[in-house]
Amino acid sequence: ANEIKGCKKIEIFVADLNSEKLNFKKIFSPNECGYIIFGGRMQFYKHNNLDGIIFTTFGHEYNKPDNTPQDDESIYSKIIFLDFANKNPIIFSKGHRVSQGLYAEKNLILQTEHGPKGGDEINKIEYKKNYGWPISSYGMKYYSDDDYEKNHSEHGFQEPIFSFVPSIGISEIIRIPNSFNKYWQENFIVASLNKRSLFRIKFDKKYSKIIYMEPMFLGERIRDIRYIKAKNYIALALEETGSIGILKVKE
């Protein structure tokens, strides 16, 4: 995120990777300012035969959501696709709160986001779909007696695959290759902050529901996770100690 003269915005820079000097070039810089801007996740993705990236944005005032997530003129609280050839950003999906995780492969995009007081979500992202925030949520409002709509589909929004009530402080989501563990087949891992746990998850073939979920308590807030193919282990960014954890199969 970048702030210039009180204008907060998200900008994206790229550079060719080398061991001497990284020469960054700006490829995305919106004119639109936001209130509180958080950096998000990004993944390589191909849309309409164009190579590019999808990335998440957040840009409405914390705990006091306005209509930014539902505003088609705003890039904030959305998932954005940016093609490399034309540098043309388009709104891929809208109605998001604070996106924390993003996974993309071919025709599958999974996203995790923080709900308010409860209601963390795992969403299957589809082009031009609306995910309901700040109208529908399975969480509660912090400072008000009224509440969010407790049904997404009845109001024209996409239902989450799963909503955590109470919240787990959801963070990143990754797919685990079947070669990691013969007992972990077609599995994903979701990390959490305030639950200080990993969750091993298996979805149905349509990614419309969760078949099973196994919590694994680690005792520390987990900000990020990555699968390291060369070592066949999962690296964990442990927030409170500032250390790297390693999860691997016992030989």
Protein backbone atom coordinates (compact mmCIF):
# COMPACT_ATOMS: atom_id res chain seq x y z
CA ALA A 1 0.00 0.00 0.00
CA ASN A 2 1.19 3.51 -0.76
CA GLU A 3 0.20 6.86 0.79
CA ILE A 4 0.81 10.13 -1.06
CA LYS A 5 -0.40 13.41 0.50
CA GLY A 6 -3.06 11.63 2.53
CA CYS A 7 -4.20 9.50 -0.40
CA LYS A 8 -3.86 5.81 0.42
CA LYS A 9 -3.77 3.38 -2.47
CA ILE A 10 -2.46 -0.01 -3.56
CA GLU A 11 0.31 -0.06 -6.17
CA ILE A 12 2.01 -3.02 -7.82
CA PHE A 13 5.62 -3.10 -9.03
CA VAL A 14 7.47 -5.85 -10.90
CA ALA A 15 11.13 -6.66 -11.51
CA ASP A 16 13.11 -9.40 -13.22
CA LEU A 17 14.61 -11.65 -10.55
CA ASN A 18 18.40 -11.61 -10.38
CA SER A 19 21.16 -11.64 -7.75
CA GLU A 20 22.59 -8.18 -8.53
CA LYS A 21 19.98 -5.44 -8.77
CA LEU A 22 16.19 -5.42 -8.96
CA ASN A 23 14.82 -2.72 -11.25
CA PHE A 24 11.18 -2.30 -10.30
CA LYS A 25 8.58 -0.93 -12.70
CA LYS A 26 5.11 0.17 -11.71
CA ILE A 27 2.34 -1.77 -13.48
CA PHE A 28 -0.68 -0.77 -11.39
CA SER A 29 -1.53 2.52 -9.69
CA PRO A 30 -5.20 3.50 -9.39
CA ASN A 31 -6.38 7.10 -9.18
CA GLU A 32 -8.82 6.15 -6.44
CA CYS A 33 -7.93 6.74 -2.80
CA GLY A 34 -9.17 4.70 0.15
CA TYR A 35 -9.57 5.10 3.88
CA ILE A 36 -7.62 2.24 5.45
CA ILE A 37 -5.76 0.29 2.76
CA PHE A 38 -4.38 -3.19 3.39
CA GLY A 39 -2.08 -5.05 1.03
CA GLY A 40 -3.58 -8.31 -0.16
CA ARG A 41 -2.73 -11.58 -1.87
CA MET A 42 -1.93 -12.14 -5.53
CA GLN A 43 -1.69 -15.17 -7.79
CA PHE A 44 -0.88 -15.75 -11.45
CA TYR A 45 -4.05 -16.38 -13.45
CA LYS A 46 -5.26 -16.58 -17.04
CA HIS A 47 -8.60 -14.93 -17.84
CA ASN A 48 -10.15 -14.74 -21.31
CA ASN A 49 -6.89 -16.15 -22.71
CA LEU A 50 -4.90 -13.29 -21.20
CA ASP A 51 -2.03 -14.01 -18.82
CA GLY A 52 -2.02 -11.87 -15.71
CA ILE A 53 -2.60 -11.82 -11.98
CA ILE A 54 -5.56 -11.71 -9.66
CA PHE A 55 -5.14 -9.79 -6.43
CA THR A 56 -7.24 -8.83 -3.44
CA THR A 57 -7.92 -5.30 -2.20
CA PHE A 58 -9.33 -3.73 0.95
CA GLY A 59 -10.27 -0.09 1.25
CA HIS A 60 -13.13 0.85 3.52
CA GLU A 61 -12.95 2.15 7.06
CA TYR A 62 -12.30 -0.57 9.62
CA ASN A 63 -15.44 -1.56 11.59
CA LYS A 64 -17.46 1.14 9.77
CA PRO A 65 -18.03 -0.34 6.30
CA ASP A 66 -19.48 1.94 3.68
CA ASN A 67 -20.73 0.80 0.29
CA THR A 68 -17.27 0.50 -1.28
CA PRO A 69 -17.41 -3.33 -1.54
CA GLN A 70 -20.65 -3.04 -3.57
CA ASP A 71 -19.56 -0.05 -5.68
CA ASP A 72 -18.66 -1.05 -9.26
CA GLU A 73 -16.79 2.24 -9.65
CA SER A 74 -14.36 1.33 -6.84
CA ILE A 75 -11.48 -1.15 -7.04
CA TYR A 76 -11.42 -1.64 -3.27
CA SER A 77 -12.82 -4.62 -1.33
CA LYS A 78 -12.72 -6.59 -4.57
CA ILE A 79 -10.71 -9.23 -6.35
CA ILE A 80 -9.06 -7.62 -9.38
CA PHE A 81 -7.66 -9.21 -12.54
CA LEU A 82 -4.78 -7.38 -14.23
CA ASP A 83 -3.53 -8.66 -17.59
CA PHE A 84 0.18 -8.34 -18.31
CA ALA A 85 -0.21 -7.26 -21.94
CA ASN A 86 -2.54 -4.29 -21.56
CA LYS A 87 -2.24 -3.57 -17.82
CA ASN A 88 -6.02 -3.30 -17.82
CA PRO A 89 -7.58 -3.92 -14.37
CA ILE A 90 -11.09 -5.38 -14.19
CA ILE A 91 -13.25 -6.26 -11.21
CA PHE A 92 -13.30 -10.06 -11.05
CA SER A 93 -15.56 -10.30 -7.98
CA LYS A 94 -16.92 -7.93 -5.35
CA GLY A 95 -18.52 -7.80 -1.91
CA HIS A 96 -15.41 -8.84 0.02
CA ARG A 97 -14.28 -7.80 3.48
CA VAL A 98 -10.63 -8.39 4.46
CA SER A 99 -9.22 -11.06 2.14
CA GLN A 100 -6.49 -13.12 3.80
CA GLY A 101 -5.85 -16.07 1.50
CA LEU A 102 -5.97 -16.69 -2.24
CA TYR A 103 -5.47 -19.87 -4.26
CA ALA A 104 -5.79 -20.10 -8.05
CA GLU A 105 -5.36 -22.84 -10.64
CA LYS A 106 -7.03 -23.08 -14.05
CA ASN A 107 -10.78 -22.67 -13.39
CA LEU A 108 -10.58 -22.80 -9.60
CA ILE A 109 -10.13 -19.79 -7.31
CA LEU A 110 -10.49 -20.13 -3.55
CA GLN A 111 -10.37 -17.14 -1.23
CA THR A 112 -10.44 -16.73 2.54
CA GLU A 113 -11.59 -13.58 4.30
CA HIS A 114 -12.08 -12.24 7.79
CA GLY A 115 -15.66 -11.78 8.88
CA PRO A 116 -16.58 -9.15 11.45
CA LYS A 117 -17.40 -10.56 14.92
CA GLY A 118 -17.53 -14.13 13.64
CA GLY A 119 -18.17 -15.33 10.12
CA ASP A 120 -14.72 -15.94 8.61
CA GLU A 121 -15.31 -17.36 5.12
CA ILE A 122 -13.89 -19.76 2.57
CA ASN A 123 -15.26 -18.73 -0.84
CA LYS A 124 -15.18 -20.24 -4.29
CA ILE A 125 -14.61 -17.20 -6.49
CA GLU A 126 -16.42 -16.91 -9.81
CA TYR A 127 -16.22 -14.11 -12.34
CA LYS A 128 -18.63 -11.20 -11.80
CA LYS A 129 -20.13 -12.74 -8.67
CA ASN A 130 -21.05 -10.78 -5.54
CA TYR A 131 -20.10 -12.15 -2.12
CA GLY A 132 -22.34 -9.96 -0.03
CA TRP A 133 -20.25 -7.73 2.21
CA PRO A 134 -21.30 -5.48 3.97
CA ILE A 135 -24.92 -6.61 3.58
CA SER A 136 -24.72 -10.34 4.32
CA SER A 137 -22.44 -12.03 6.85
CA TYR A 138 -22.68 -14.87 9.32
CA GLY A 139 -20.79 -12.70 11.78
CA MET A 140 -22.17 -10.00 14.08
CA LYS A 141 -21.83 -6.21 14.11
CA TYR A 142 -19.40 -4.84 16.66
CA TYR A 143 -21.15 -1.69 17.82
CA SER A 144 -24.78 -2.02 16.80
CA ASP A 145 -27.90 -3.89 17.90
CA ASP A 146 -29.04 -4.52 14.33
CA ASP A 147 -27.39 -7.28 12.36
CA TYR A 148 -26.24 -8.40 8.92
CA GLU A 149 -28.48 -10.50 6.72
CA LYS A 150 -27.93 -14.13 7.70
CA ASN A 151 -28.50 -15.54 4.24
CA HIS A 152 -26.47 -14.73 1.15
CA SER A 153 -28.36 -16.46 -1.64
CA GLU A 154 -31.76 -14.99 -0.74
CA HIS A 155 -30.28 -11.54 -1.38
CA GLY A 156 -28.59 -12.39 -4.67
CA PHE A 157 -25.13 -13.10 -3.22
CA GLN A 158 -22.83 -16.12 -3.34
CA GLU A 159 -22.88 -18.32 -0.26
CA PRO A 160 -19.49 -19.18 1.23
CA ILE A 161 -18.36 -22.78 0.96
CA PHE A 162 -17.96 -22.57 4.73
CA SER A 163 -18.26 -19.92 7.40
CA PHE A 164 -16.46 -20.20 10.75
CA VAL A 165 -18.67 -19.15 13.67
CA PRO A 166 -16.94 -18.16 15.89
CA SER A 167 -14.08 -16.86 13.75
CA ILE A 168 -10.70 -18.57 13.65
CA GLY A 169 -8.78 -15.52 12.41
CA ILE A 170 -8.42 -17.18 9.03
CA SER A 171 -5.30 -16.53 6.95
CA GLU A 172 -3.77 -18.31 3.92
CA ILE A 173 -5.11 -21.35 2.02
CA ILE A 174 -2.91 -23.73 -0.02
CA ARG A 175 -3.32 -27.05 -1.82
CA ILE A 176 -1.17 -29.93 -0.59
CA PRO A 177 0.10 -32.26 -3.35
CA ASN A 178 -0.81 -35.92 -2.96
CA SER A 179 2.91 -36.76 -2.81
CA PHE A 180 3.23 -34.98 0.56
CA ASN A 181 1.57 -37.78 2.53
CA LYS A 182 -0.19 -40.90 1.26
CA TYR A 183 -2.95 -40.29 3.80
CA TRP A 184 -3.47 -36.67 2.73
CA GLN A 185 -5.09 -36.92 -0.68
CA GLU A 186 -6.75 -33.95 -2.45
CA ASN A 187 -6.26 -31.90 0.69
CA PHE A 188 -5.95 -28.18 1.39
CA ILE A 189 -4.49 -26.45 4.42
CA VAL A 190 -6.00 -23.32 5.94
CA ALA A 191 -4.01 -21.37 8.52
CA SER A 192 -5.41 -19.32 11.38
CA LEU A 193 -4.35 -16.52 13.66
CA ASN A 194 -6.43 -16.44 16.84
CA LYS A 195 -7.08 -20.22 16.81
CA ARG A 196 -3.32 -20.78 16.47
CA SER A 197 -4.02 -23.84 14.36
CA LEU A 198 -3.85 -25.36 10.91
CA PHE A 199 -6.96 -26.91 9.40
CA ARG A 200 -6.64 -29.84 6.98
CA ILE A 201 -9.60 -29.70 4.62
CA LYS A 202 -11.09 -31.83 1.89
CA PHE A 203 -13.71 -30.31 -0.42
CA ASP A 204 -16.21 -32.14 -2.58
CA LYS A 205 -15.45 -32.34 -6.31
CA LYS A 206 -17.48 -29.21 -7.09
CA TYR A 207 -15.94 -27.20 -4.25
CA SER A 208 -19.42 -26.50 -2.97
CA LYS A 209 -18.97 -27.94 0.54
CA ILE A 210 -16.38 -29.32 2.95
CA ILE A 211 -16.35 -33.10 3.38
CA TYR A 212 -14.10 -33.07 6.44
CA MET A 213 -11.93 -30.70 8.46
CA GLU A 214 -9.14 -31.66 10.87
CA PRO A 215 -7.78 -28.96 13.23
CA MET A 216 -4.09 -29.19 14.18
CA PHE A 217 -3.20 -26.97 17.14
CA LEU A 218 0.25 -25.36 16.98
CA GLY A 219 -0.03 -22.75 19.73
CA GLU A 220 1.03 -19.72 17.71
CA ARG A 221 -0.56 -17.28 15.27
CA ILE A 222 0.15 -18.45 11.72
CA ARG A 223 0.35 -15.54 9.30
CA ASP A 224 1.36 -17.40 6.14
CA ILE A 225 2.03 -20.91 4.80
CA ARG A 226 3.85 -22.27 1.75
CA TYR A 227 4.48 -25.73 0.38
CA ILE A 228 8.16 -26.21 -0.49
CA LYS A 229 8.30 -28.80 -3.26
CA ALA A 230 12.08 -29.33 -3.21
CA LYS A 231 11.97 -30.33 0.47
CA ASN A 232 8.44 -31.76 0.56
CA TYR A 233 7.47 -29.77 3.62
CA ILE A 234 5.15 -26.93 4.60
CA ALA A 235 6.76 -23.69 5.81
CA LEU A 236 4.84 -21.65 8.38
CA ALA A 237 5.31 -17.95 9.17
CA LEU A 238 4.81 -17.85 12.95
CA GLU A 239 3.83 -14.34 13.91
CA GLU A 240 4.46 -14.08 17.65
CA THR A 241 8.01 -15.45 17.71
CA GLY A 242 8.89 -14.20 14.23
CA SER A 243 10.13 -17.68 13.35
CA ILE A 244 9.65 -20.16 10.53
CA GLY A 245 7.99 -23.46 11.39
CA ILE A 246 8.33 -26.62 9.30
CA LEU A 247 5.66 -29.28 8.98
CA LYS A 248 6.83 -32.50 7.35
CA VAL A 249 6.05 -36.19 7.30
CA LYS A 250 8.01 -38.22 9.83
CA GLU A 251 10.32 -40.63 8.05
